[in-house]
PDB file of N, CA and C in Angstrom:
ATOM      1  N   UNK A   1      -5.393  22.127  -3.617  1.00  0.00           N
ATOM      2  CA  UNK A   1      -5.738  21.315  -2.459  1.00  0.00           C
ATOM      3  C   UNK A   1      -5.203  22.023  -1.209  1.00  0.00           C
ATOM      4  N   UNK A   2      -6.028  22.114  -0.204  1.00  0.00           N
ATOM      5  CA  UNK A   2      -5.595  22.800   1.009  1.00  0.00           C
ATOM      6  C   UNK A   2      -4.655  21.901   1.828  1.00  0.00           C
ATOM      7  N   UNK A   3      -3.872  22.487   2.709  1.00  0.00           N
ATOM      8  CA  UNK A   3      -2.871  21.711   3.461  1.00  0.00           C
ATOM      9  C   UNK A   3      -3.445  20.593   4.328  1.00  0.00           C
ATOM     10  N   UNK A   4      -4.621  20.789   4.869  1.00  0.00           N
ATOM     11  CA  UNK A   4      -5.217  19.757   5.714  1.00  0.00           C
ATOM     12  C   UNK A   4      -5.583  18.522   4.889  1.00  0.00           C
ATOM     13  N   UNK A   5      -6.101  18.728   3.698  1.00  0.00           N
ATOM     14  CA  UNK A   5      -6.427  17.614   2.815  1.00  0.00           C
ATOM     15  C   UNK A   5      -5.159  16.871   2.391  1.00  0.00           C
ATOM     16  N   UNK A   6      -4.092  17.620   2.120  1.00  0.00           N
ATOM     17  CA  UNK A   6      -2.815  16.989   1.769  1.00  0.00           C
ATOM     18  C   UNK A   6      -2.297  16.134   2.925  1.00  0.00           C
ATOM     19  N   UNK A   7      -2.471  16.634   4.149  1.00  0.00           N
ATOM     20  CA  UNK A   7      -2.019  15.872   5.312  1.00  0.00           C
ATOM     21  C   UNK A   7      -2.773  14.559   5.416  1.00  0.00           C
ATOM     22  N   UNK A   8      -4.093  14.601   5.278  1.00  0.00           N
ATOM     23  CA  UNK A   8      -4.891  13.385   5.385  1.00  0.00           C
ATOM     24  C   UNK A   8      -4.587  12.418   4.250  1.00  0.00           C
ATOM     25  N   UNK A   9      -4.388  12.945   3.060  1.00  0.00           N
ATOM     26  CA  UNK A   9      -4.063  12.094   1.926  1.00  0.00           C
ATOM     27  C   UNK A   9      -2.718  11.409   2.114  1.00  0.00           C
ATOM     28  N   UNK A  10      -1.731  12.128   2.620  1.00  0.00           N
ATOM     29  CA  UNK A  10      -0.428  11.510   2.849  1.00  0.00           C
ATOM     30  C   UNK A  10      -0.491  10.495   3.992  1.00  0.00           C
ATOM     31  N   UNK A  11      -1.278  10.753   5.011  1.00  0.00           N
ATOM     32  CA  UNK A  11      -1.445   9.798   6.103  1.00  0.00           C
ATOM     33  C   UNK A  11      -2.103   8.510   5.611  1.00  0.00           C
ATOM     34  N   UNK A  12      -3.118   8.643   4.790  1.00  0.00           N
ATOM     35  CA  UNK A  12      -3.779   7.469   4.222  1.00  0.00           C
ATOM     36  C   UNK A  12      -2.818   6.697   3.332  1.00  0.00           C
ATOM     37  N   UNK A  13      -2.002   7.410   2.547  1.00  0.00           N
ATOM     38  CA  UNK A  13      -1.026   6.749   1.680  1.00  0.00           C
ATOM     39  C   UNK A  13      -0.007   5.962   2.505  1.00  0.00           C
ATOM     40  N   UNK A  14       0.438   6.522   3.612  1.00  0.00           N
ATOM     41  CA  UNK A  14       1.386   5.824   4.490  1.00  0.00           C
ATOM     42  C   UNK A  14       0.746   4.572   5.078  1.00  0.00           C
ATOM     43  N   UNK A  15      -0.500   4.679   5.521  1.00  0.00           N
ATOM     44  CA  UNK A  15      -1.193   3.520   6.088  1.00  0.00           C
ATOM     45  C   UNK A  15      -1.432   2.436   5.040  1.00  0.00           C
ATOM     46  N   UNK A  16      -1.756   2.833   3.819  1.00  0.00           N
ATOM     47  CA  UNK A  16      -1.958   1.860   2.743  1.00  0.00           C
ATOM     48  C   UNK A  16      -0.646   1.148   2.422  1.00  0.00           C
ATOM     49  N   UNK A  17       0.450   1.886   2.400  1.00  0.00           N
ATOM     50  CA  UNK A  17       1.754   1.255   2.159  1.00  0.00           C
ATOM     51  C   UNK A  17       2.126   0.314   3.298  1.00  0.00           C
ATOM     52  N   UNK A  18       1.804   0.692   4.518  1.00  0.00           N
ATOM     53  CA  UNK A  18       2.046  -0.198   5.652  1.00  0.00           C
ATOM     54  C   UNK A  18       1.232  -1.470   5.550  1.00  0.00           C
ATOM     55  N   UNK A  19       0.004  -1.356   5.098  1.00  0.00           N
ATOM     56  CA  UNK A  19      -0.840  -2.528   4.877  1.00  0.00           C
ATOM     57  C   UNK A  19      -0.224  -3.450   3.828  1.00  0.00           C
ATOM     58  N   UNK A  20       0.309  -2.883   2.769  1.00  0.00           N
ATOM     59  CA  UNK A  20       0.914  -3.710   1.729  1.00  0.00           C
ATOM     60  C   UNK A  20       2.184  -4.394   2.235  1.00  0.00           C
ATOM     61  N   UNK A  21       2.953  -3.723   3.068  1.00  0.00           N
ATOM     62  CA  UNK A  21       4.148  -4.357   3.646  1.00  0.00           C
ATOM     63  C   UNK A  21       3.743  -5.518   4.545  1.00  0.00           C
ATOM     64  N   UNK A  22       2.710  -5.329   5.362  1.00  0.00           N
ATOM     65  CA  UNK A  22       2.219  -6.405   6.213  1.00  0.00           C
ATOM     66  C   UNK A  22       1.730  -7.581   5.374  1.00  0.00           C
ATOM     67  N   UNK A  23       1.018  -7.287   4.303  1.00  0.00           N
ATOM     68  CA  UNK A  23       0.473  -8.336   3.443  1.00  0.00           C
ATOM     69  C   UNK A  23       1.570  -9.126   2.746  1.00  0.00           C
ATOM     70  N   UNK A  24       2.596  -8.461   2.248  1.00  0.00           N
ATOM     71  CA  UNK A  24       3.674  -9.172   1.568  1.00  0.00           C
ATOM     72  C   UNK A  24       4.491  -9.980   2.566  1.00  0.00           C
ATOM     73  N   UNK A  25       4.666  -9.467   3.776  1.00  0.00           N
ATOM     74  CA  UNK A  25       5.377 -10.220   4.805  1.00  0.00           C
ATOM     75  C   UNK A  25       4.594 -11.466   5.192  1.00  0.00           C
ATOM     76  N   UNK A  26       3.291 -11.337   5.350  1.00  0.00           N
ATOM     77  CA  UNK A  26       2.450 -12.485   5.648  1.00  0.00           C
ATOM     78  C   UNK A  26       2.481 -13.497   4.515  1.00  0.00           C
ATOM     79  N   UNK A  27       2.391 -13.018   3.291  1.00  0.00           N
ATOM     80  CA  UNK A  27       2.378 -13.920   2.136  1.00  0.00           C
ATOM     81  C   UNK A  27       3.683 -14.695   2.023  1.00  0.00           C
ATOM     82  N   UNK A  28       4.791 -14.038   2.261  1.00  0.00           N
ATOM     83  CA  UNK A  28       6.081 -14.707   2.103  1.00  0.00           C
ATOM     84  C   UNK A  28       6.389 -15.670   3.243  1.00  0.00           C
ATOM     85  N   UNK A  29       5.853 -15.412   4.425  1.00  0.00           N
ATOM     86  CA  UNK A  29       6.222 -16.261   5.564  1.00  0.00           C
ATOM     87  C   UNK A  29       5.211 -17.358   5.874  1.00  0.00           C
ATOM     88  N   UNK A  30       3.939 -17.154   5.572  1.00  0.00           N
ATOM     89  CA  UNK A  30       2.908 -18.094   6.017  1.00  0.00           C
ATOM     90  C   UNK A  30       2.213 -18.863   4.902  1.00  0.00           C
ATOM     91  N   UNK A  31       2.376 -18.456   3.657  1.00  0.00           N
ATOM     92  CA  UNK A  31       1.618 -19.099   2.589  1.00  0.00           C
ATOM     93  C   UNK A  31       2.552 -19.710   1.552  1.00  0.00           C
ATOM     94  N   UNK A  32       1.974 -20.572   0.713  1.00  0.00           N
ATOM     95  CA  UNK A  32       2.727 -21.220  -0.355  1.00  0.00           C
ATOM     96  C   UNK A  32       1.873 -21.294  -1.606  1.00  0.00           C
ATOM     97  N   UNK A  33       2.526 -21.475  -2.737  1.00  0.00           N
ATOM     98  CA  UNK A  33       1.839 -21.753  -3.987  1.00  0.00           C
ATOM     99  C   UNK A  33       1.077 -20.583  -4.558  1.00  0.00           C
ATOM    100  N   UNK A  34      -0.104 -20.897  -5.067  1.00  0.00           N
ATOM    101  CA  UNK A  34      -0.919 -19.909  -5.765  1.00  0.00           C
ATOM    102  C   UNK A  34      -1.389 -18.786  -4.835  1.00  0.00           C
ATOM    103  N   UNK A  35      -1.717 -19.128  -3.605  1.00  0.00           N
ATOM    104  CA  UNK A  35      -2.152 -18.108  -2.648  1.00  0.00           C
ATOM    105  C   UNK A  35      -1.042 -17.092  -2.395  1.00  0.00           C
ATOM    106  N   UNK A  36       0.196 -17.573  -2.309  1.00  0.00           N
ATOM    107  CA  UNK A  36       1.337 -16.685  -2.094  1.00  0.00           C
ATOM    108  C   UNK A  36       1.488 -15.709  -3.265  1.00  0.00           C
ATOM    109  N   UNK A  37       1.376 -16.238  -4.480  1.00  0.00           N
ATOM    110  CA  UNK A  37       1.486 -15.383  -5.659  1.00  0.00           C
ATOM    111  C   UNK A  37       0.345 -14.378  -5.719  1.00  0.00           C
ATOM    112  N   UNK A  38      -0.859 -14.819  -5.417  1.00  0.00           N
ATOM    113  CA  UNK A  38      -2.020 -13.941  -5.446  1.00  0.00           C
ATOM    114  C   UNK A  38      -1.892 -12.821  -4.409  1.00  0.00           C
ATOM    115  N   UNK A  39      -1.482 -13.167  -3.192  1.00  0.00           N
ATOM    116  CA  UNK A  39      -1.312 -12.148  -2.150  1.00  0.00           C
ATOM    117  C   UNK A  39      -0.183 -11.179  -2.499  1.00  0.00           C
ATOM    118  N   UNK A  40       0.856 -11.669  -3.149  1.00  0.00           N
ATOM    119  CA  UNK A  40       1.955 -10.794  -3.561  1.00  0.00           C
ATOM    120  C   UNK A  40       1.501  -9.800  -4.613  1.00  0.00           C
ATOM    121  N   UNK A  41       0.690 -10.255  -5.563  1.00  0.00           N
ATOM    122  CA  UNK A  41       0.175  -9.348  -6.587  1.00  0.00           C
ATOM    123  C   UNK A  41      -0.763  -8.318  -5.969  1.00  0.00           C
ATOM    124  N   UNK A  42      -1.611  -8.744  -5.057  1.00  0.00           N
ATOM    125  CA  UNK A  42      -2.521  -7.815  -4.373  1.00  0.00           C
ATOM    126  C   UNK A  42      -1.718  -6.782  -3.578  1.00  0.00           C
ATOM    127  N   UNK A  43      -0.672  -7.230  -2.895  1.00  0.00           N
ATOM    128  CA  UNK A  43       0.169  -6.303  -2.130  1.00  0.00           C
ATOM    129  C   UNK A  43       0.854  -5.302  -3.049  1.00  0.00           C
ATOM    130  N   UNK A  44       1.274  -5.759  -4.229  1.00  0.00           N
ATOM    131  CA  UNK A  44       1.909  -4.854  -5.186  1.00  0.00           C
ATOM    132  C   UNK A  44       0.927  -3.796  -5.681  1.00  0.00           C
ATOM    133  N   UNK A  45      -0.292  -4.201  -5.967  1.00  0.00           N
ATOM    134  CA  UNK A  45      -1.316  -3.252  -6.420  1.00  0.00           C
ATOM    135  C   UNK A  45      -1.637  -2.245  -5.310  1.00  0.00           C
ATOM    136  N   UNK A  46      -1.735  -2.729  -4.078  1.00  0.00           N
ATOM    137  CA  UNK A  46      -1.990  -1.833  -2.951  1.00  0.00           C
ATOM    138  C   UNK A  46      -0.834  -0.842  -2.784  1.00  0.00           C
ATOM    139  N   UNK A  47       0.406  -1.312  -2.992  1.00  0.00           N
ATOM    140  CA  UNK A  47       1.561  -0.420  -2.898  1.00  0.00           C
ATOM    141  C   UNK A  47       1.507   0.658  -3.978  1.00  0.00           C
ATOM    142  N   UNK A  48       1.085   0.295  -5.181  1.00  0.00           N
ATOM    143  CA  UNK A  48       0.954   1.299  -6.240  1.00  0.00           C
ATOM    144  C   UNK A  48      -0.109   2.342  -5.901  1.00  0.00           C
ATOM    145  N   UNK A  49      -1.202   1.908  -5.291  1.00  0.00           N
ATOM    146  CA  UNK A  49      -2.245   2.850  -4.868  1.00  0.00           C
ATOM    147  C   UNK A  49      -1.688   3.804  -3.812  1.00  0.00           C
ATOM    148  N   UNK A  50      -0.915   3.265  -2.877  1.00  0.00           N
ATOM    149  CA  UNK A  50      -0.286   4.114  -1.869  1.00  0.00           C
ATOM    150  C   UNK A  50       0.700   5.092  -2.475  1.00  0.00           C
ATOM    151  N   UNK A  51       1.447   4.631  -3.488  1.00  0.00           N
ATOM    152  CA  UNK A  51       2.383   5.510  -4.181  1.00  0.00           C
ATOM    153  C   UNK A  51       1.659   6.660  -4.877  1.00  0.00           C
ATOM    154  N   UNK A  52       0.577   6.331  -5.546  1.00  0.00           N
ATOM    155  CA  UNK A  52      -0.208   7.373  -6.217  1.00  0.00           C
ATOM    156  C   UNK A  52      -0.796   8.362  -5.213  1.00  0.00           C
ATOM    157  N   UNK A  53      -1.226   7.870  -4.061  1.00  0.00           N
ATOM    158  CA  UNK A  53      -1.734   8.764  -3.024  1.00  0.00           C
ATOM    159  C   UNK A  53      -0.645   9.678  -2.487  1.00  0.00           C
ATOM    160  N   UNK A  54       0.549   9.123  -2.316  1.00  0.00           N
ATOM    161  CA  UNK A  54       1.670   9.934  -1.851  1.00  0.00           C
ATOM    162  C   UNK A  54       2.068  10.996  -2.848  1.00  0.00           C
ATOM    163  N   UNK A  55       2.106  10.633  -4.118  1.00  0.00           N
ATOM    164  CA  UNK A  55       2.446  11.608  -5.162  1.00  0.00           C
ATOM    165  C   UNK A  55       1.366  12.678  -5.250  1.00  0.00           C
ATOM    166  N   UNK A  56       0.112  12.280  -5.121  1.00  0.00           N
ATOM    167  CA  UNK A  56      -0.978  13.263  -5.169  1.00  0.00           C
ATOM    168  C   UNK A  56      -0.919  14.236  -3.994  1.00  0.00           C
ATOM    169  N   UNK A  57      -0.439  13.766  -2.852  1.00  0.00           N
ATOM    170  CA  UNK A  57      -0.353  14.672  -1.694  1.00  0.00           C
ATOM    171  C   UNK A  57       0.785  15.686  -1.838  1.00  0.00           C
ATOM    172  N   UNK A  58       1.768  15.374  -2.675  1.00  0.00           N
ATOM    173  CA  UNK A  58       2.867  16.307  -2.904  1.00  0.00           C
ATOM    174  C   UNK A  58       2.444  17.429  -3.859  1.00  0.00           C
ATOM    175  N   UNK A  59       1.616  17.078  -4.830  1.00  0.00           N
ATOM    176  CA  UNK A  59       1.213  18.039  -5.866  1.00  0.00           C
ATOM    177  C   UNK A  59       0.389  19.166  -5.311  1.00  0.00           C
TER     178      UNK A  59
END
């Protein structure tokens, strides 16, 4: 993978992780019950996708 592609991949991974942090913060502060649990699981999955993108940009 060329360096420019690695840069874009790492930038996307950072933005995806930021999205998951925003989502978990919103879920914990503004929602209750099943919606809170659902948003937390979605945020966790998004964080894993960001982690995989970050690891792929290192390789």
